[in-house]
C-alpha cells in the first residue's frame, strides 16, 4: 500500500469518526432535551401543587379568620360596650332617683303625715258618730 492509500483511509476514518461523534452528540442532545422537558414538566407539576396548597391554606386561614371575627367582632364588642354603658347609665339614674326619693321621704318625715292606722281609726270614729247621730 502506498502512503496515499493510508491518507485516504485516515480521511475515511476521520469522516466516519466525525459522523459517529455527530450522531452521539445528537443522541445526547435529544436525551438532554427529553430530560430537560421531563424536569420542566415536574417543576411545573410541583409549582401547581404548591400553588394549590397555598390556596388551600389561605382559604383555611381566611375561614378561621372569619370564624375568629365572629368570636371577636369589633362591632359586637362595641355594641356590648354600648349596652354596658347604657346599663350603667340607667343604674346611675335609678340610684339618683332612689336617693332623691329618700331625700323627699326624710324631708317629709318631719311633717305630720297621718299613718294608715291613725286614718282608719279616725274613719271608724266618724262612721260611729254618723250612726249615733242618725
N, C-alpha and C. Protein backbone atom coordinates (compact mmCIF):
# COMPACT_ATOMS: atom_id res chain seq x y z
N UNK A 1 0.83 -1.17 0.00
CA UNK A 1 0.00 0.00 0.00
C UNK A 1 0.88 1.24 0.00
N UNK A 2 0.30 2.17 -0.59
CA UNK A 2 1.02 3.42 -0.72
C UNK A 2 0.61 4.34 0.43
N UNK A 3 1.35 5.35 0.57
CA UNK A 3 1.07 6.34 1.61
C UNK A 3 -0.23 7.06 1.32
N UNK A 4 -0.54 7.24 0.07
CA UNK A 4 -1.79 7.90 -0.31
C UNK A 4 -2.98 7.07 0.13
N UNK A 5 -2.84 5.77 0.02
CA UNK A 5 -3.92 4.89 0.44
C UNK A 5 -4.17 5.04 1.95
N UNK A 6 -3.08 5.17 2.71
CA UNK A 6 -3.24 5.37 4.15
C UNK A 6 -3.92 6.72 4.44
N UNK A 7 -3.61 7.71 3.65
CA UNK A 7 -4.22 9.03 3.82
C UNK A 7 -5.71 8.97 3.54
N UNK A 8 -6.07 8.25 2.48
CA UNK A 8 -7.49 8.11 2.17
C UNK A 8 -8.21 7.36 3.28
N UNK A 9 -7.58 6.30 3.78
CA UNK A 9 -8.17 5.54 4.88
C UNK A 9 -8.31 6.42 6.13
N UNK A 10 -7.30 7.23 6.37
CA UNK A 10 -7.34 8.12 7.53
C UNK A 10 -8.46 9.13 7.36
N UNK A 11 -8.62 9.65 6.16
CA UNK A 11 -9.69 10.61 5.90
C UNK A 11 -11.05 9.95 6.07
N UNK A 12 -11.16 8.71 5.54
CA UNK A 12 -12.42 7.99 5.68
C UNK A 12 -12.70 7.70 7.16
N UNK A 13 -11.64 7.30 7.88
CA UNK A 13 -11.80 7.01 9.30
C UNK A 13 -12.17 8.29 10.05
N UNK A 14 -11.55 9.40 9.68
CA UNK A 14 -11.88 10.67 10.32
C UNK A 14 -13.33 11.06 10.05
N UNK A 15 -13.75 10.87 8.79
CA UNK A 15 -15.14 11.18 8.45
C UNK A 15 -16.10 10.27 9.19
N UNK A 16 -15.74 8.99 9.25
CA UNK A 16 -16.58 8.01 9.96
C UNK A 16 -16.64 8.36 11.44
N UNK A 17 -15.50 8.67 12.03
CA UNK A 17 -15.44 9.03 13.44
C UNK A 17 -16.23 10.32 13.68
N UNK A 18 -16.05 11.29 12.79
CA UNK A 18 -16.77 12.55 12.90
C UNK A 18 -18.27 12.32 12.82
N UNK A 19 -18.68 11.46 11.89
CA UNK A 19 -20.11 11.14 11.73
C UNK A 19 -20.64 10.46 12.99
N UNK A 20 -19.86 9.51 13.54
CA UNK A 20 -20.28 8.82 14.76
C UNK A 20 -20.38 9.80 15.94
N UNK A 21 -19.40 10.71 16.00
CA UNK A 21 -19.41 11.69 17.08
C UNK A 21 -20.62 12.62 16.96
N UNK A 22 -20.94 13.04 15.71
CA UNK A 22 -22.11 13.89 15.49
C UNK A 22 -23.38 13.16 15.92
N UNK A 23 -23.49 11.87 15.54
CA UNK A 23 -24.67 11.07 15.92
C UNK A 23 -24.76 10.94 17.44
N UNK A 24 -23.60 10.72 18.07
CA UNK A 24 -23.59 10.57 19.53
C UNK A 24 -23.99 11.89 20.20
N UNK A 25 -23.45 12.99 19.68
CA UNK A 25 -23.81 14.30 20.24
C UNK A 25 -25.30 14.55 20.03
N UNK A 26 -25.81 14.18 18.84
CA UNK A 26 -27.24 14.36 18.55
C UNK A 26 -28.09 13.54 19.53
N UNK A 27 -27.70 12.28 19.79
CA UNK A 27 -28.44 11.43 20.73
C UNK A 27 -28.39 12.03 22.14
N UNK A 28 -27.21 12.49 22.52
CA UNK A 28 -27.08 13.09 23.85
C UNK A 28 -27.90 14.37 23.97
N UNK A 29 -27.94 15.16 22.90
CA UNK A 29 -28.76 16.38 22.90
C UNK A 29 -30.24 16.03 23.01
N UNK A 30 -30.67 15.01 22.28
CA UNK A 30 -32.07 14.57 22.36
C UNK A 30 -32.40 14.06 23.76
N UNK A 31 -31.47 13.26 24.33
CA UNK A 31 -31.68 12.75 25.68
C UNK A 31 -31.72 13.91 26.69
N UNK A 32 -30.81 14.88 26.49
CA UNK A 32 -30.79 16.05 27.37
C UNK A 32 -32.09 16.84 27.24
N UNK A 33 -32.56 17.03 26.00
CA UNK A 33 -33.80 17.77 25.77
C UNK A 33 -34.98 17.05 26.42
N UNK A 34 -35.03 15.71 26.26
CA UNK A 34 -36.10 14.93 26.90
C UNK A 34 -36.04 15.07 28.42
N UNK A 35 -34.82 14.96 28.96
CA UNK A 35 -34.66 15.07 30.42
C UNK A 35 -35.04 16.47 30.88
N UNK A 36 -34.65 17.50 30.09
CA UNK A 36 -34.99 18.88 30.45
C UNK A 36 -36.50 19.09 30.42
N UNK A 37 -37.17 18.56 29.39
CA UNK A 37 -38.62 18.67 29.29
C UNK A 37 -39.31 17.95 30.45
N UNK A 38 -38.78 16.75 30.76
CA UNK A 38 -39.35 15.99 31.87
C UNK A 38 -39.16 16.77 33.18
N UNK A 39 -37.96 17.31 33.37
CA UNK A 39 -37.66 18.08 34.56
C UNK A 39 -38.55 19.33 34.63
N UNK A 40 -38.69 20.03 33.50
CA UNK A 40 -39.54 21.22 33.45
C UNK A 40 -40.99 20.85 33.75
N UNK A 41 -41.44 19.72 33.21
CA UNK A 41 -42.80 19.25 33.50
C UNK A 41 -42.98 18.96 34.97
N UNK A 42 -41.98 18.31 35.57
CA UNK A 42 -42.06 18.03 37.00
C UNK A 42 -42.06 19.32 37.82
N UNK A 43 -41.23 20.26 37.40
CA UNK A 43 -41.21 21.55 38.10
C UNK A 43 -42.57 22.21 38.01
N UNK A 44 -43.16 22.22 36.81
CA UNK A 44 -44.48 22.82 36.64
C UNK A 44 -45.51 22.11 37.51
N UNK A 45 -45.41 20.77 37.57
CA UNK A 45 -46.34 20.00 38.40
C UNK A 45 -46.18 20.39 39.87
N UNK A 46 -44.93 20.48 40.34
CA UNK A 46 -44.70 20.86 41.72
C UNK A 46 -45.15 22.30 41.99
N UNK A 47 -44.94 23.19 41.02
CA UNK A 47 -45.41 24.57 41.18
C UNK A 47 -46.92 24.61 41.33
N UNK A 48 -47.63 23.84 40.49
CA UNK A 48 -49.09 23.78 40.59
C UNK A 48 -49.51 23.22 41.95
N UNK A 49 -48.82 22.16 42.38
CA UNK A 49 -49.12 21.55 43.67
C UNK A 49 -48.93 22.57 44.79
N UNK A 50 -47.81 23.28 44.74
CA UNK A 50 -47.52 24.27 45.78
C UNK A 50 -48.54 25.40 45.75
N UNK A 51 -48.90 25.87 44.53
CA UNK A 51 -49.90 26.94 44.42
C UNK A 51 -51.24 26.48 44.98
N UNK A 52 -51.65 25.25 44.65
CA UNK A 52 -52.91 24.73 45.19
C UNK A 52 -52.85 24.60 46.70
N UNK A 53 -51.72 24.13 47.19
CA UNK A 53 -51.54 24.00 48.64
C UNK A 53 -51.63 25.37 49.31
N UNK A 54 -51.00 26.37 48.70
CA UNK A 54 -51.06 27.73 49.25
C UNK A 54 -52.50 28.23 49.24
N UNK A 55 -53.22 27.99 48.12
CA UNK A 55 -54.62 28.42 48.04
C UNK A 55 -55.45 27.77 49.14
N UNK A 56 -55.25 26.46 49.34
CA UNK A 56 -56.00 25.76 50.38
C UNK A 56 -55.69 26.34 51.75
N UNK A 57 -54.42 26.58 52.02
CA UNK A 57 -54.03 27.12 53.32
C UNK A 57 -54.57 28.54 53.50
N UNK A 58 -54.56 29.32 52.43
CA UNK A 58 -55.10 30.68 52.51
C UNK A 58 -56.60 30.64 52.77
N UNK A 59 -57.31 29.71 52.11
CA UNK A 59 -58.75 29.63 52.35
C UNK A 59 -59.03 29.15 53.77
N UNK A 60 -58.23 28.20 54.26
CA UNK A 60 -58.39 27.76 55.66
C UNK A 60 -58.15 28.94 56.60
N UNK A 61 -57.08 29.67 56.30
CA UNK A 61 -56.73 30.80 57.15
C UNK A 61 -57.82 31.86 57.13
N UNK A 62 -58.35 32.15 55.95
CA UNK A 62 -59.40 33.17 55.87
C UNK A 62 -60.68 32.69 56.55
N UNK A 63 -60.98 31.39 56.43
CA UNK A 63 -62.18 30.90 57.12
C UNK A 63 -61.98 30.94 58.62
N UNK A 64 -60.79 30.60 59.08
CA UNK A 64 -60.51 30.70 60.52
C UNK A 64 -60.55 32.16 60.97
N UNK A 65 -60.03 33.04 60.11
CA UNK A 65 -60.08 34.46 60.43
C UNK A 65 -61.53 34.92 60.53
N UNK A 66 -62.35 34.44 59.59
CA UNK A 66 -63.77 34.79 59.62
C UNK A 66 -64.44 34.29 60.88
N UNK A 67 -64.11 33.04 61.26
CA UNK A 67 -64.69 32.50 62.49
C UNK A 67 -64.20 33.27 63.70
N UNK A 68 -62.94 33.65 63.69
CA UNK A 68 -62.42 34.40 64.83
C UNK A 68 -63.03 35.79 64.88
N UNK A 69 -63.35 36.36 63.71
CA UNK A 69 -64.00 37.66 63.71
C UNK A 69 -65.41 37.56 64.25
N UNK A 70 -66.03 36.41 64.02
CA UNK A 70 -67.36 36.21 64.62
C UNK A 70 -67.22 36.18 66.13
N UNK A 71 -66.15 35.52 66.59
CA UNK A 71 -65.93 35.44 68.03
C UNK A 71 -65.46 36.79 68.59
N UNK A 72 -64.61 37.47 67.84
CA UNK A 72 -64.06 38.73 68.30
C UNK A 72 -64.43 39.81 67.28
N UNK A 73 -65.71 40.01 67.11
CA UNK A 73 -66.18 41.00 66.15
C UNK A 73 -66.17 42.37 66.82
N UNK A 74 -65.44 43.32 66.25
CA UNK A 74 -65.36 44.64 66.88
C UNK A 74 -66.72 45.32 67.01
N UNK A 75 -67.60 45.09 66.03
CA UNK A 75 -68.93 45.72 66.13
C UNK A 75 -69.71 45.12 67.28
N UNK A 76 -69.58 43.81 67.47
CA UNK A 76 -70.27 43.18 68.60
C UNK A 76 -69.68 43.67 69.92
N UNK A 77 -68.37 43.80 69.95
CA UNK A 77 -67.75 44.31 71.17
C UNK A 77 -68.20 45.74 71.44
N UNK A 78 -68.30 46.54 70.38
CA UNK A 78 -68.76 47.92 70.53
C UNK A 78 -70.20 47.95 71.03
N UNK A 79 -71.05 47.09 70.44
CA UNK A 79 -72.45 47.02 70.89
C UNK A 79 -72.53 46.60 72.35
N UNK A 80 -71.73 45.60 72.71
CA UNK A 80 -71.72 45.11 74.08
C UNK A 80 -71.29 46.22 75.03
N UNK A 81 -70.26 46.97 74.63
CA UNK A 81 -69.78 48.08 75.46
C UNK A 81 -70.86 49.15 75.55
N UNK A 82 -71.52 49.45 74.42
CA UNK A 82 -72.61 50.45 74.45
C UNK A 82 -73.73 50.01 75.37
N UNK A 83 -74.09 48.73 75.30
CA UNK A 83 -75.14 48.21 76.19
C UNK A 83 -74.71 48.31 77.65
N UNK A 84 -73.45 47.96 77.92
CA UNK A 84 -72.96 48.07 79.29
C UNK A 84 -72.99 49.52 79.76
N UNK A 85 -72.60 50.44 78.86
CA UNK A 85 -72.65 51.86 79.22
C UNK A 85 -74.08 52.30 79.50
N UNK A 86 -75.03 51.86 78.66
CA UNK A 86 -76.44 52.21 78.88
C UNK A 86 -76.95 51.65 80.20
N UNK A 87 -76.57 50.41 80.49
CA UNK A 87 -77.00 49.78 81.75
C UNK A 87 -76.43 50.56 82.93
N UNK A 88 -75.14 50.89 82.85
CA UNK A 88 -74.52 51.66 83.94
C UNK A 88 -75.18 53.03 84.08
N UNK A 89 -75.50 53.65 82.95
CA UNK A 89 -76.15 54.96 83.00
C UNK A 89 -77.53 54.86 83.63
N UNK A 90 -78.31 53.85 83.20
CA UNK A 90 -79.65 53.69 83.78
C UNK A 90 -79.57 53.32 85.25
N UNK A 91 -78.57 52.50 85.62
CA UNK A 91 -78.39 52.17 87.04
C UNK A 91 -78.05 53.44 87.82
N UNK A 92 -77.20 54.28 87.25
CA UNK A 92 -76.87 55.55 87.90
C UNK A 92 -78.09 56.42 88.08
N UNK A 93 -78.94 56.46 87.03
CA UNK A 93 -80.18 57.24 87.12
C UNK A 93 -81.11 56.67 88.18
N UNK A 94 -81.18 55.32 88.24
CA UNK A 94 -82.03 54.69 89.25
C UNK A 94 -81.53 55.01 90.64
N UNK A 95 -80.22 54.95 90.83
CA UNK A 95 -79.65 55.27 92.14
C UNK A 95 -79.95 56.72 92.49
N UNK A 96 -79.82 57.61 91.50
CA UNK A 96 -80.13 59.02 91.75
C UNK A 96 -81.61 59.19 92.10
N UNK A 97 -82.50 58.46 91.39
CA UNK A 97 -83.93 58.53 91.70
C UNK A 97 -84.20 58.03 93.12
N UNK A 98 -83.58 56.92 93.48
CA UNK A 98 -83.78 56.37 94.82
C UNK A 98 -83.28 57.36 95.87
N UNK A 99 -82.14 57.97 95.62
CA UNK A 99 -81.60 58.95 96.57
C UNK A 99 -82.52 60.15 96.68
N UNK A 100 -83.06 60.61 95.55
CA UNK A 100 -83.97 61.77 95.62
C UNK A 100 -85.26 61.39 96.35
N UNK A 101 -85.75 60.17 96.16
CA UNK A 101 -86.94 59.71 96.88
C UNK A 101 -86.64 59.62 98.37
N UNK A 102 -85.47 59.08 98.71
CA UNK A 102 -85.08 59.01 100.12
C UNK A 102 -84.97 60.41 100.72
N UNK A 103 -84.45 61.34 99.94
CA UNK A 103 -84.34 62.72 100.41
C UNK A 103 -85.72 63.32 100.65
N UNK A 104 -86.64 63.06 99.71
CA UNK A 104 -88.01 63.55 99.89
C UNK A 104 -88.65 62.93 101.12
N UNK A 105 -88.43 61.66 101.33
CA UNK A 105 -89.01 60.98 102.49
C UNK A 105 -88.46 61.58 103.77
N UNK A 106 -87.15 61.79 103.81
CA UNK A 106 -86.58 62.35 105.04
C UNK A 106 -87.06 63.78 105.27
N UNK A 107 -87.28 64.54 104.19
CA UNK A 107 -87.82 65.90 104.36
C UNK A 107 -89.23 65.84 104.90
N UNK A 108 -90.03 64.93 104.41
CA UNK A 108 -91.44 64.86 104.79
C UNK A 108 -91.66 64.08 106.09
N UNK A 109 -90.64 63.42 106.59
CA UNK A 109 -90.81 62.70 107.86
C UNK A 109 -91.04 63.69 108.99
N UNK A 110 -90.50 64.86 108.83
CA UNK A 110 -90.66 65.87 109.88
C UNK A 110 -92.06 66.49 109.85
N UNK A 111 -92.72 66.37 108.70
CA UNK A 111 -94.11 66.86 108.62
C UNK A 111 -95.03 65.82 109.22
N UNK A 112 -96.23 66.25 109.57
CA UNK A 112 -97.20 65.31 110.14
C UNK A 112 -97.96 64.64 109.02
N UNK A 113 -97.61 63.41 108.77
CA UNK A 113 -98.32 62.62 107.78
C UNK A 113 -99.03 61.53 108.56
N UNK A 114 -100.37 61.53 108.52
CA UNK A 114 -101.09 60.52 109.30
C UNK A 114 -100.80 59.12 108.77
N UNK A 115 -100.61 58.22 109.67
CA UNK A 115 -100.35 56.85 109.27
C UNK A 115 -101.66 56.17 108.89
N UNK A 116 -101.58 55.03 108.30
CA UNK A 116 -102.76 54.29 107.85
C UNK A 116 -103.65 53.91 109.03
N UNK A 117 -103.03 53.44 110.08
CA UNK A 117 -103.83 53.01 111.25
C UNK A 117 -104.52 54.21 111.90
N UNK A 118 -103.85 55.34 111.98
CA UNK A 118 -104.47 56.53 112.56
C UNK A 118 -105.64 56.99 111.70
N UNK A 119 -105.48 56.91 110.39
CA UNK A 119 -106.57 57.31 109.49
C UNK A 119 -107.74 56.35 109.60
N UNK A 120 -107.46 55.08 109.71
CA UNK A 120 -108.55 54.10 109.81
C UNK A 120 -109.32 54.28 111.12
N UNK A 121 -108.61 54.59 112.21
CA UNK A 121 -109.28 54.84 113.50
C UNK A 121 -110.16 56.07 113.40
N UNK A 122 -109.62 57.10 112.73
CA UNK A 122 -110.38 58.34 112.58
C UNK A 122 -111.64 58.10 111.74
N UNK A 123 -111.52 57.32 110.66
CA UNK A 123 -112.68 57.00 109.81
C UNK A 123 -113.71 56.18 110.58
N UNK A 124 -113.26 55.24 111.40
CA UNK A 124 -114.20 54.44 112.21
C UNK A 124 -114.96 55.34 113.18
N UNK A 125 -114.26 56.27 113.77
CA UNK A 125 -114.92 57.19 114.71
C UNK A 125 -115.95 58.05 113.99
N UNK A 126 -115.59 58.49 112.78
CA UNK A 126 -116.54 59.30 112.01
C UNK A 126 -117.78 58.47 111.66
N UNK A 127 -117.58 57.21 111.28
CA UNK A 127 -118.70 56.32 110.96
C UNK A 127 -119.58 56.10 112.19
N UNK A 128 -118.94 55.88 113.33
CA UNK A 128 -119.70 55.67 114.57
C UNK A 128 -120.50 56.92 114.93
N UNK A 129 -119.89 58.06 114.78
CA UNK A 129 -120.58 59.32 115.08
C UNK A 129 -121.77 59.51 114.14
N UNK A 130 -121.67 59.16 112.90
CA UNK A 130 -122.78 59.28 111.97
C UNK A 130 -123.90 58.33 112.35
N UNK A 131 -123.53 57.14 112.74
CA UNK A 131 -124.55 56.17 113.11
C UNK A 131 -125.29 56.61 114.37
N UNK A 132 -124.56 57.17 115.27
CA UNK A 132 -125.18 57.64 116.51
C UNK A 132 -126.11 58.81 116.22
N UNK A 133 -125.65 59.69 115.34
CA UNK A 133 -126.47 60.85 115.04
C UNK A 133 -127.71 60.48 114.23
N UNK A 134 -127.75 59.45 113.59
CA UNK A 134 -128.92 59.06 112.80
C UNK A 134 -129.86 58.37 113.71
